[in-house]
Amino acid sequence: MSPDQTYSRFFTVDEANALIPRLRPKVEELLATFREIRSEIETAASLAGLPPDSPDLAKHLESRAIAPGLFDRVKGLIGELQDQGCLVNGPEVGLVDFPCVYNNEIVFLCWKYGEARVGYWHRIPDGFAGRRPLLDVSAPEEGTRVH
């Protein structure tokens, strides 16, 4: 994400947590669709006698005409989730971020499918790997602030 990115809204922890019950079914559907995509890739590869990572597999997937509809479903679900003001930053694992202002800095509250509530946050450039528990209010390191 660019520091110049604009967001439709900013969330408090309570607002993000209140939205999770409405997001959860869409995230479940998104994860199920990714399972269908993986299954379709494996089936097409098996029928064509190709390894799943073969560059020749694309034409077999295209000829079966199943994958494009699945990809459209993924795009639609991500759009529905993001219409709520959150960001889907890890669709294959159900990772959703909520823009938040903390100490005059835009950060992301972070929720991953399977977690009961938002329990983490991270600076935008740090991504998921930089997740910190919500109670971790340590000072930002120099050079990591969003300008």
Protein backbone atom coordinates (compact mmCIF):
# COMPACT_ATOMS: atom_id res chain seq x y z
CA MET A 1 0.00 0.00 0.00
CA SER A 2 1.18 3.45 -0.81
CA PRO A 3 1.33 6.03 1.97
CA ASP A 4 -0.75 8.20 -0.37
CA GLN A 5 -3.55 5.59 -0.39
CA THR A 6 -6.93 7.00 0.54
CA TYR A 7 -9.40 5.09 2.67
CA SER A 8 -13.16 5.35 2.71
CA ARG A 9 -13.23 5.23 6.50
CA PHE A 10 -11.18 4.71 9.62
CA PHE A 11 -12.14 2.19 12.30
CA THR A 12 -11.89 1.97 16.04
CA VAL A 13 -11.22 -1.47 17.49
CA ASP A 14 -14.86 -1.67 18.59
CA GLU A 15 -16.13 -0.74 15.11
CA ALA A 16 -13.91 -3.35 13.46
CA ASN A 17 -15.01 -6.02 15.92
CA ALA A 18 -18.67 -5.12 15.38
CA LEU A 19 -18.24 -5.64 11.63
CA ILE A 20 -16.60 -9.07 11.85
CA PRO A 21 -19.87 -11.05 12.20
CA ARG A 22 -21.04 -9.55 8.88
CA LEU A 23 -17.66 -10.17 7.20
CA ARG A 24 -17.17 -13.75 8.42
CA PRO A 25 -19.69 -15.43 6.03
CA LYS A 26 -18.18 -13.61 3.02
CA VAL A 27 -14.67 -14.59 4.09
CA GLU A 28 -15.85 -18.20 4.51
CA GLU A 29 -17.25 -18.10 0.98
CA LEU A 30 -14.02 -16.58 -0.29
CA LEU A 31 -11.95 -19.34 1.30
CA ALA A 32 -14.30 -22.00 -0.09
CA THR A 33 -13.93 -20.46 -3.55
CA PHE A 34 -10.14 -20.64 -3.30
CA ARG A 35 -10.49 -24.33 -2.38
CA GLU A 36 -12.64 -24.79 -5.51
CA ILE A 37 -10.01 -23.03 -7.61
CA ARG A 38 -7.26 -25.30 -6.25
CA SER A 39 -9.46 -28.33 -6.92
CA GLU A 40 -10.19 -27.17 -10.47
CA ILE A 41 -6.46 -26.68 -11.12
CA GLU A 42 -5.70 -30.17 -9.82
CA THR A 43 -8.54 -31.72 -11.86
CA ALA A 44 -7.56 -29.95 -15.07
CA ALA A 45 -3.91 -30.90 -14.53
CA SER A 46 -4.81 -34.52 -13.92
CA LEU A 47 -7.07 -34.74 -16.98
CA ALA A 48 -4.40 -33.12 -19.16
CA GLY A 49 -1.60 -35.21 -17.67
CA LEU A 50 0.27 -32.06 -16.64
CA PRO A 51 1.81 -30.93 -13.37
CA PRO A 52 -0.28 -28.24 -11.60
CA ASP A 53 2.46 -25.64 -12.18
CA SER A 54 2.72 -26.26 -15.93
CA PRO A 55 2.46 -23.13 -18.10
CA ASP A 56 0.44 -25.25 -20.56
CA LEU A 57 -2.29 -25.76 -17.97
CA ALA A 58 -3.90 -22.36 -18.61
CA LYS A 59 -5.40 -23.42 -21.95
CA HIS A 60 -6.85 -26.56 -20.33
CA LEU A 61 -8.39 -24.50 -17.55
CA GLU A 62 -9.79 -22.12 -20.15
CA SER A 63 -11.31 -24.94 -22.19
CA ARG A 64 -13.07 -26.33 -19.10
CA ALA A 65 -14.62 -22.84 -18.56
CA ILE A 66 -14.92 -23.28 -14.80
CA ALA A 67 -12.02 -21.20 -13.47
CA PRO A 68 -13.10 -17.84 -14.96
CA GLY A 69 -16.39 -17.98 -13.04
CA LEU A 70 -14.54 -18.83 -9.84
CA PHE A 71 -12.16 -15.91 -10.35
CA ASP A 72 -15.13 -13.61 -10.96
CA ARG A 73 -16.66 -14.84 -7.69
CA VAL A 74 -13.40 -14.04 -5.86
CA LYS A 75 -13.35 -10.53 -7.32
CA GLY A 76 -16.99 -10.00 -6.35
CA LEU A 77 -16.51 -11.21 -2.78
CA ILE A 78 -13.43 -9.07 -2.29
CA GLY A 79 -15.41 -6.10 -3.62
CA GLU A 80 -18.27 -6.78 -1.19
CA LEU A 81 -15.86 -7.00 1.72
CA GLN A 82 -13.99 -3.86 0.73
CA ASP A 83 -17.26 -1.97 0.26
CA GLN A 84 -17.48 -2.11 4.08
CA GLY A 85 -14.34 0.06 4.30
CA CYS A 86 -11.90 -2.71 5.16
CA LEU A 87 -9.13 -4.11 2.97
CA VAL A 88 -8.69 -7.74 1.97
CA ASN A 89 -4.92 -8.07 2.08
CA GLY A 90 -4.69 -11.85 2.15
CA PRO A 91 -7.72 -13.32 0.42
CA GLU A 92 -6.44 -16.91 0.32
CA VAL A 93 -6.05 -17.01 4.10
CA GLY A 94 -8.89 -14.68 5.10
CA LEU A 95 -6.76 -11.71 6.14
CA VAL A 96 -8.67 -8.45 6.53
CA ASP A 97 -7.25 -5.08 7.59
CA PHE A 98 -9.13 -2.09 8.95
CA PRO A 99 -7.58 1.37 8.48
CA CYS A 100 -7.17 3.13 11.82
CA VAL A 101 -5.50 6.30 13.05
CA TYR A 102 -3.08 5.73 15.92
CA ASN A 103 -0.73 8.45 17.19
CA ASN A 104 -1.41 10.57 14.09
CA GLU A 105 -0.37 7.64 11.89
CA ILE A 106 -2.53 5.48 9.65
CA VAL A 107 -2.10 1.86 10.69
CA PHE A 108 -4.11 -1.31 10.09
CA LEU A 109 -6.10 -3.20 12.67
CA CYS A 110 -5.60 -6.79 11.57
CA TRP A 111 -8.04 -9.73 11.66
CA LYS A 112 -7.46 -13.19 10.25
CA TYR A 113 -10.30 -15.63 9.67
CA GLY A 114 -10.50 -17.99 12.63
CA GLU A 115 -9.66 -15.29 15.17
CA ALA A 116 -12.57 -14.34 17.42
CA ARG A 117 -11.89 -10.62 17.16
CA VAL A 118 -9.34 -8.03 16.10
CA GLY A 119 -6.39 -8.60 18.39
CA TYR A 120 -3.53 -7.16 16.34
CA TRP A 121 -2.41 -4.10 14.45
CA HIS A 122 0.49 -3.29 12.16
CA ARG A 123 2.05 -0.38 10.37
CA ILE A 124 1.28 -0.34 6.67
CA PRO A 125 4.85 -0.99 5.45
CA ASP A 126 5.32 -3.81 8.00
CA GLY A 127 2.41 -5.91 6.74
CA PHE A 128 1.17 -9.08 8.37
CA ALA A 129 4.71 -10.04 9.45
CA GLY A 130 4.80 -6.90 11.61
CA ARG A 131 1.60 -7.66 13.50
CA ARG A 132 1.66 -6.56 17.13
CA PRO A 133 -0.86 -7.35 19.86
CA LEU A 134 -3.25 -4.46 20.44
CA LEU A 135 -1.73 -3.82 23.86
CA ASP A 136 1.74 -3.32 22.33
CA VAL A 137 1.97 0.46 22.19
CA SER A 138 5.74 0.65 21.87
CA ALA A 139 7.05 3.75 20.16
CA PRO A 140 7.45 3.52 16.39
CA GLU A 141 10.97 2.95 15.18
CA GLU A 142 12.58 5.77 13.26
CA GLY A 143 11.99 5.57 9.52
CA THR A 144 8.87 3.42 9.76
CA ARG A 145 6.30 6.18 10.13
CA VAL A 146 3.79 6.81 7.38
CA HIS A 147 4.20 10.33 6.00
